Amino acid sequence: MPAANDIRKGQVIKFNGEPHLVMETQHRTPGNLRAFVQIKMRNLRYGKALDQRFASTDTIEVLPTEKKSLEYSYADREAFAFIDPETFEQTELSAETLGDVKNYLTPGGKVDVLFVDEKPLTVELPSTVALKVIESSDGIKGDTASNVQKPAKLETGLMVQVPLFIKEGEIIKVSTADGTYLGRV
């Protein structure tokens, strides 16, 4: 196992029995004290971030990781199926594992899945996705003050605030970071 000095950003380590993604590392040697490594990491199961201090000689278990680009296929109750476009191997993820990601999934959409010890753990979306508006009220004539918005329901069930000129059936671009309307496609 590598020493704490050898841990780098982007690696997945095992801490308290859970996989954590290393987001930042700093090696420090304060005055006449022993050297230590300060690691900022995020728990991959729960999303909680934390700072942890390790002695520079501590050994840390680094978990083997693999990132695959998969295509979303379908949802079956609480399971979401993804297919590897090269090997046609199917991977299923639970709604709990996906979290809010499921609001941006459309059949055929590509996502990056991080596998730790050959188990799918996290899903990374592209920065924007194109979704179809399936339900939206009409704007009121004369209600043209600047930046007036109305709610719209998208094909995945996500509710987004959109400008008054957006109508049902239109395809819009939505940010996956915060779920905001970015424009028409």
C-alpha atoms as a PDB file:
ATOM      1  CA  MET A   1       0.000   0.000   0.000  1.00  0.00           C
ATOM      2  CA  PRO A   2       1.310   3.490  -0.798  1.00  0.00           C
ATOM      3  CA  ALA A   3       2.242   6.034   1.854  1.00  0.00           C
ATOM      4  CA  ALA A   4       0.142   9.155   2.362  1.00  0.00           C
ATOM      5  CA  ASN A   5       2.844  11.150   0.490  1.00  0.00           C
ATOM      6  CA  ASP A   6       2.088   9.163  -2.684  1.00  0.00           C
ATOM      7  CA  ILE A   7      -1.667   9.888  -2.778  1.00  0.00           C
ATOM      8  CA  ARG A   8      -2.697  12.138  -5.674  1.00  0.00           C
ATOM      9  CA  LYS A   9      -5.814  14.033  -6.749  1.00  0.00           C
ATOM     10  CA  GLY A  10      -8.356  11.833  -8.586  1.00  0.00           C
ATOM     11  CA  GLN A  11      -7.451   8.577  -6.831  1.00  0.00           C
ATOM     12  CA  VAL A  12     -10.042   6.615  -4.862  1.00  0.00           C
ATOM     13  CA  ILE A  13      -8.920   5.563  -1.386  1.00  0.00           C
ATOM     14  CA  LYS A  14     -10.500   3.423   1.306  1.00  0.00           C
ATOM     15  CA  PHE A  15     -11.069   5.415   4.509  1.00  0.00           C
ATOM     16  CA  ASN A  16     -13.196   4.112   7.407  1.00  0.00           C
ATOM     17  CA  GLY A  17     -14.245   1.212   5.176  1.00  0.00           C
ATOM     18  CA  GLU A  18     -15.794   3.526   2.554  1.00  0.00           C
ATOM     19  CA  PRO A  19     -14.483   4.625  -0.879  1.00  0.00           C
ATOM     20  CA  HIS A  20     -13.464   8.297  -0.987  1.00  0.00           C
ATOM     21  CA  LEU A  21     -12.424  10.348  -4.028  1.00  0.00           C
ATOM     22  CA  VAL A  22      -9.327  12.484  -3.352  1.00  0.00           C
ATOM     23  CA  MET A  23     -10.089  16.056  -4.413  1.00  0.00           C
ATOM     24  CA  GLU A  24      -6.982  17.824  -3.078  1.00  0.00           C
ATOM     25  CA  THR A  25      -3.748  16.956  -1.245  1.00  0.00           C
ATOM     26  CA  GLN A  26      -1.235  19.153   0.554  1.00  0.00           C
ATOM     27  CA  HIS A  27       2.037  18.054   2.107  1.00  0.00           C
ATOM     28  CA  ARG A  28       2.983  20.193   5.106  1.00  0.00           C
ATOM     29  CA  THR A  29       5.994  20.346   7.394  1.00  0.00           C
ATOM     30  CA  PRO A  30       5.210  22.905  10.121  1.00  0.00           C
ATOM     31  CA  GLY A  31       8.294  24.229  11.964  1.00  0.00           C
ATOM     32  CA  ASN A  32       9.778  21.614  14.272  1.00  0.00           C
ATOM     33  CA  LEU A  33       6.825  19.202  14.034  1.00  0.00           C
ATOM     34  CA  ARG A  34       6.526  16.039  11.968  1.00  0.00           C
ATOM     35  CA  ALA A  35       5.411  16.235   8.343  1.00  0.00           C
ATOM     36  CA  PHE A  36       1.795  15.422   7.513  1.00  0.00           C
ATOM     37  CA  VAL A  37      -0.482  15.222   4.493  1.00  0.00           C
ATOM     38  CA  GLN A  38      -3.814  17.071   4.489  1.00  0.00           C
ATOM     39  CA  ILE A  39      -6.312  15.349   2.150  1.00  0.00           C
ATOM     40  CA  LYS A  40      -9.646  16.820   1.081  1.00  0.00           C
ATOM     41  CA  MET A  41     -11.891  13.963  -0.051  1.00  0.00           C
ATOM     42  CA  ARG A  42     -15.522  13.115  -0.851  1.00  0.00           C
ATOM     43  CA  ASN A  43     -17.346   9.959   0.210  1.00  0.00           C
ATOM     44  CA  LEU A  44     -18.521   8.292  -3.015  1.00  0.00           C
ATOM     45  CA  ARG A  45     -21.500   6.560  -1.395  1.00  0.00           C
ATOM     46  CA  TYR A  46     -23.003   9.550   0.443  1.00  0.00           C
ATOM     47  CA  GLY A  47     -21.414  12.588  -1.233  1.00  0.00           C
ATOM     48  CA  LYS A  48     -20.156  14.087   2.049  1.00  0.00           C
ATOM     49  CA  ALA A  49     -16.842  15.972   1.812  1.00  0.00           C
ATOM     50  CA  LEU A  50     -14.261  15.983   4.581  1.00  0.00           C
ATOM     51  CA  ASP A  51     -10.689  17.006   5.391  1.00  0.00           C
ATOM     52  CA  GLN A  52      -8.425  14.424   6.953  1.00  0.00           C
ATOM     53  CA  ARG A  53      -4.858  14.675   8.227  1.00  0.00           C
ATOM     54  CA  PHE A  54      -2.494  11.707   7.801  1.00  0.00           C
ATOM     55  CA  ALA A  55       1.109  11.290   8.988  1.00  0.00           C
ATOM     56  CA  SER A  56       3.318  11.290   5.897  1.00  0.00           C
ATOM     57  CA  THR A  57       4.365   7.702   6.678  1.00  0.00           C
ATOM     58  CA  ASP A  58       0.807   6.316   7.113  1.00  0.00           C
ATOM     59  CA  THR A  59      -0.174   3.715   4.539  1.00  0.00           C
ATOM     60  CA  ILE A  60      -3.455   4.196   2.678  1.00  0.00           C
ATOM     61  CA  GLU A  61      -5.302   1.647   0.562  1.00  0.00           C
ATOM     62  CA  VAL A  62      -5.873   2.851  -3.007  1.00  0.00           C
ATOM     63  CA  LEU A  63      -8.837   1.182  -4.709  1.00  0.00           C
ATOM     64  CA  PRO A  64      -8.691   0.135  -8.387  1.00  0.00           C
ATOM     65  CA  THR A  65     -10.971   2.305 -10.515  1.00  0.00           C
ATOM     66  CA  GLU A  66     -12.231   2.291 -14.059  1.00  0.00           C
ATOM     67  CA  LYS A  67     -14.338   4.890 -15.869  1.00  0.00           C
ATOM     68  CA  LYS A  68     -16.638   3.647 -18.636  1.00  0.00           C
ATOM     69  CA  SER A  69     -18.801   5.628 -21.022  1.00  0.00           C
ATOM     70  CA  LEU A  70     -22.221   3.957 -20.974  1.00  0.00           C
ATOM     71  CA  GLU A  71     -25.510   4.609 -22.733  1.00  0.00           C
ATOM     72  CA  TYR A  72     -28.771   4.878 -20.781  1.00  0.00           C
ATOM     73  CA  SER A  73     -31.233   2.255 -21.991  1.00  0.00           C
ATOM     74  CA  TYR A  74     -34.369   2.055 -19.834  1.00  0.00           C
ATOM     75  CA  ALA A  75     -35.811   2.233 -16.311  1.00  0.00           C
ATOM     76  CA  ASP A  76     -37.554  -0.694 -14.636  1.00  0.00           C
ATOM     77  CA  ARG A  77     -39.162   0.363 -11.340  1.00  0.00           C
ATOM     78  CA  GLU A  78     -36.201   1.309  -9.129  1.00  0.00           C
ATOM     79  CA  ALA A  79     -33.470  -0.028 -11.467  1.00  0.00           C
ATOM     80  CA  PHE A  80     -31.927   1.947 -14.321  1.00  0.00           C
ATOM     81  CA  ALA A  81     -30.211  -0.022 -17.100  1.00  0.00           C
ATOM     82  CA  PHE A  82     -27.088   1.170 -18.916  1.00  0.00           C
ATOM     83  CA  ILE A  83     -25.397  -0.539 -21.880  1.00  0.00           C
ATOM     84  CA  ASP A  84     -21.736  -0.462 -22.872  1.00  0.00           C
ATOM     85  CA  PRO A  85     -21.866   0.493 -26.600  1.00  0.00           C
ATOM     86  CA  GLU A  86     -18.709  -1.528 -27.342  1.00  0.00           C
ATOM     87  CA  THR A  87     -19.349  -4.827 -25.518  1.00  0.00           C
ATOM     88  CA  PHE A  88     -23.179  -4.548 -25.201  1.00  0.00           C
ATOM     89  CA  GLU A  89     -22.789  -5.517 -21.543  1.00  0.00           C
ATOM     90  CA  GLN A  90     -25.667  -4.303 -19.362  1.00  0.00           C
ATOM     91  CA  THR A  91     -25.171  -2.594 -15.986  1.00  0.00           C
ATOM     92  CA  GLU A  92     -28.030  -1.778 -13.621  1.00  0.00           C
ATOM     93  CA  LEU A  93     -27.940   1.023 -11.066  1.00  0.00           C
ATOM     94  CA  SER A  94     -30.489   1.722  -8.342  1.00  0.00           C
ATOM     95  CA  ALA A  95     -32.410   4.990  -8.085  1.00  0.00           C
ATOM     96  CA  GLU A  96     -30.663   5.562  -4.738  1.00  0.00           C
ATOM     97  CA  THR A  97     -27.217   5.333  -6.379  1.00  0.00           C
ATOM     98  CA  LEU A  98     -28.241   7.728  -9.159  1.00  0.00           C
ATOM     99  CA  GLY A  99     -29.856  10.363  -6.931  1.00  0.00           C
ATOM    100  CA  ASP A 100     -30.772  13.512  -8.903  1.00  0.00           C
ATOM    101  CA  VAL A 101     -28.945  12.200 -11.994  1.00  0.00           C
ATOM    102  CA  LYS A 102     -32.095  10.290 -13.009  1.00  0.00           C
ATOM    103  CA  ASN A 103     -33.838  13.623 -13.775  1.00  0.00           C
ATOM    104  CA  TYR A 104     -31.473  14.144 -16.716  1.00  0.00           C
ATOM    105  CA  LEU A 105     -31.451  10.658 -18.271  1.00  0.00           C
ATOM    106  CA  THR A 106     -33.019  10.079 -21.680  1.00  0.00           C
ATOM    107  CA  PRO A 107     -32.808   6.835 -23.686  1.00  0.00           C
ATOM    108  CA  GLY A 108     -29.590   6.829 -25.702  1.00  0.00           C
ATOM    109  CA  GLY A 109     -27.982   9.510 -23.515  1.00  0.00           C
ATOM    110  CA  LYS A 110     -24.318   8.954 -22.668  1.00  0.00           C
ATOM    111  CA  VAL A 111     -22.926   9.109 -19.110  1.00  0.00           C
ATOM    112  CA  ASP A 112     -19.574   8.299 -17.501  1.00  0.00           C
ATOM    113  CA  VAL A 113     -19.810   5.665 -14.768  1.00  0.00           C
ATOM    114  CA  LEU A 114     -17.012   5.272 -12.220  1.00  0.00           C
ATOM    115  CA  PHE A 115     -16.436   1.641 -11.254  1.00  0.00           C
ATOM    116  CA  VAL A 116     -14.594   0.933  -7.994  1.00  0.00           C
ATOM    117  CA  ASP A 117     -13.619  -2.715  -7.487  1.00  0.00           C
ATOM    118  CA  GLU A 118     -15.762  -3.504 -10.572  1.00  0.00           C
ATOM    119  CA  LYS A 119     -18.899  -2.105  -8.880  1.00  0.00           C
ATOM    120  CA  PRO A 120     -20.609   0.964 -10.359  1.00  0.00           C
ATOM    121  CA  LEU A 121     -20.470   3.752  -7.774  1.00  0.00           C
ATOM    122  CA  THR A 122     -21.026   7.191  -9.282  1.00  0.00           C
ATOM    123  CA  VAL A 123     -22.449   8.604 -12.508  1.00  0.00           C
ATOM    124  CA  GLU A 124     -21.132  11.771 -14.167  1.00  0.00           C
ATOM    125  CA  LEU A 125     -23.419  13.598 -16.584  1.00  0.00           C
ATOM    126  CA  PRO A 126     -22.405  15.912 -19.410  1.00  0.00           C
ATOM    127  CA  SER A 127     -22.646  19.602 -18.411  1.00  0.00           C
ATOM    128  CA  THR A 128     -25.877  20.074 -20.405  1.00  0.00           C
ATOM    129  CA  VAL A 129     -28.652  17.835 -21.710  1.00  0.00           C
ATOM    130  CA  ALA A 130     -31.431  18.361 -24.264  1.00  0.00           C
ATOM    131  CA  LEU A 131     -34.907  17.554 -22.909  1.00  0.00           C
ATOM    132  CA  LYS A 132     -38.389  17.865 -24.406  1.00  0.00           C
ATOM    133  CA  VAL A 133     -41.044  20.063 -22.754  1.00  0.00           C
ATOM    134  CA  ILE A 134     -44.171  17.938 -22.214  1.00  0.00           C
ATOM    135  CA  GLU A 135     -46.272  20.303 -20.125  1.00  0.00           C
ATOM    136  CA  SER A 136     -46.239  24.093 -19.912  1.00  0.00           C
ATOM    137  CA  SER A 137     -48.892  26.739 -19.482  1.00  0.00           C
ATOM    138  CA  ASP A 138     -49.282  29.432 -22.123  1.00  0.00           C
ATOM    139  CA  GLY A 139     -47.927  32.888 -21.440  1.00  0.00           C
ATOM    140  CA  ILE A 140     -50.510  35.590 -20.791  1.00  0.00           C
ATOM    141  CA  LYS A 141     -50.775  38.187 -23.555  1.00  0.00           C
ATOM    142  CA  GLY A 142     -49.321  41.450 -22.368  1.00  0.00           C
ATOM    143  CA  ASP A 143     -47.193  39.784 -19.696  1.00  0.00           C
ATOM    144  CA  THR A 144     -43.940  40.783 -21.372  1.00  0.00           C
ATOM    145  CA  ALA A 145     -41.960  42.324 -18.535  1.00  0.00           C
ATOM    146  CA  SER A 146     -38.304  41.414 -18.777  1.00  0.00           C
ATOM    147  CA  ASN A 147     -37.253  37.946 -17.643  1.00  0.00           C
ATOM    148  CA  VAL A 148     -40.723  36.629 -16.772  1.00  0.00           C
ATOM    149  CA  GLN A 149     -40.638  32.855 -16.390  1.00  0.00           C
ATOM    150  CA  LYS A 150     -43.110  30.002 -16.040  1.00  0.00           C
ATOM    151  CA  PRO A 151     -42.769  26.391 -14.846  1.00  0.00           C
ATOM    152  CA  ALA A 152     -42.396  23.624 -17.434  1.00  0.00           C
ATOM    153  CA  LYS A 153     -42.442  19.863 -16.945  1.00  0.00           C
ATOM    154  CA  LEU A 154     -39.837  17.964 -18.954  1.00  0.00           C
ATOM    155  CA  GLU A 155     -39.942  14.411 -20.346  1.00  0.00           C
ATOM    156  CA  THR A 156     -38.023  13.053 -17.326  1.00  0.00           C
ATOM    157  CA  GLY A 157     -40.439  14.628 -14.820  1.00  0.00           C
ATOM    158  CA  LEU A 158     -38.062  17.477 -13.943  1.00  0.00           C
ATOM    159  CA  MET A 159     -39.699  20.891 -13.361  1.00  0.00           C
ATOM    160  CA  VAL A 160     -37.736  23.870 -14.766  1.00  0.00           C
ATOM    161  CA  GLN A 161     -38.433  27.601 -14.960  1.00  0.00           C
ATOM    162  CA  VAL A 162     -38.468  28.671 -18.634  1.00  0.00           C
ATOM    163  CA  PRO A 163     -39.191  31.947 -20.512  1.00  0.00           C
ATOM    164  CA  LEU A 164     -42.793  32.617 -21.622  1.00  0.00           C
ATOM    165  CA  PHE A 165     -42.109  31.866 -25.314  1.00  0.00           C
ATOM    166  CA  ILE A 166     -41.280  28.171 -24.684  1.00  0.00           C
ATOM    167  CA  LYS A 167     -44.157  25.903 -25.737  1.00  0.00           C
ATOM    168  CA  GLU A 168     -45.027  22.229 -25.285  1.00  0.00           C
ATOM    169  CA  GLY A 169     -43.110  19.929 -27.622  1.00  0.00           C
ATOM    170  CA  GLU A 170     -40.008  22.138 -27.830  1.00  0.00           C
ATOM    171  CA  ILE A 171     -36.600  20.742 -26.947  1.00  0.00           C
ATOM    172  CA  ILE A 172     -34.562  22.855 -24.532  1.00  0.00           C
ATOM    173  CA  LYS A 173     -31.041  22.742 -23.146  1.00  0.00           C
ATOM    174  CA  VAL A 174     -30.818  22.281 -19.349  1.00  0.00           C
ATOM    175  CA  SER A 175     -27.775  22.584 -17.067  1.00  0.00           C
ATOM    176  CA  THR A 176     -27.116  19.352 -15.146  1.00  0.00           C
ATOM    177  CA  ALA A 177     -25.268  21.251 -12.405  1.00  0.00           C
ATOM    178  CA  ASP A 178     -28.276  23.200 -11.107  1.00  0.00           C
ATOM    179  CA  GLY A 179     -31.239  22.292 -13.354  1.00  0.00           C
ATOM    180  CA  THR A 180     -31.626  25.708 -14.977  1.00  0.00           C
ATOM    181  CA  TYR A 181     -32.859  26.529 -18.490  1.00  0.00           C
ATOM    182  CA  LEU A 182     -30.025  27.478 -20.857  1.00  0.00           C
ATOM    183  CA  GLY A 183     -31.756  27.890 -24.206  1.00  0.00           C
ATOM    184  CA  ARG A 184     -33.469  26.152 -27.107  1.00  0.00           C
ATOM    185  CA  VAL A 185     -31.807  23.377 -29.063  1.00  0.00           C
END
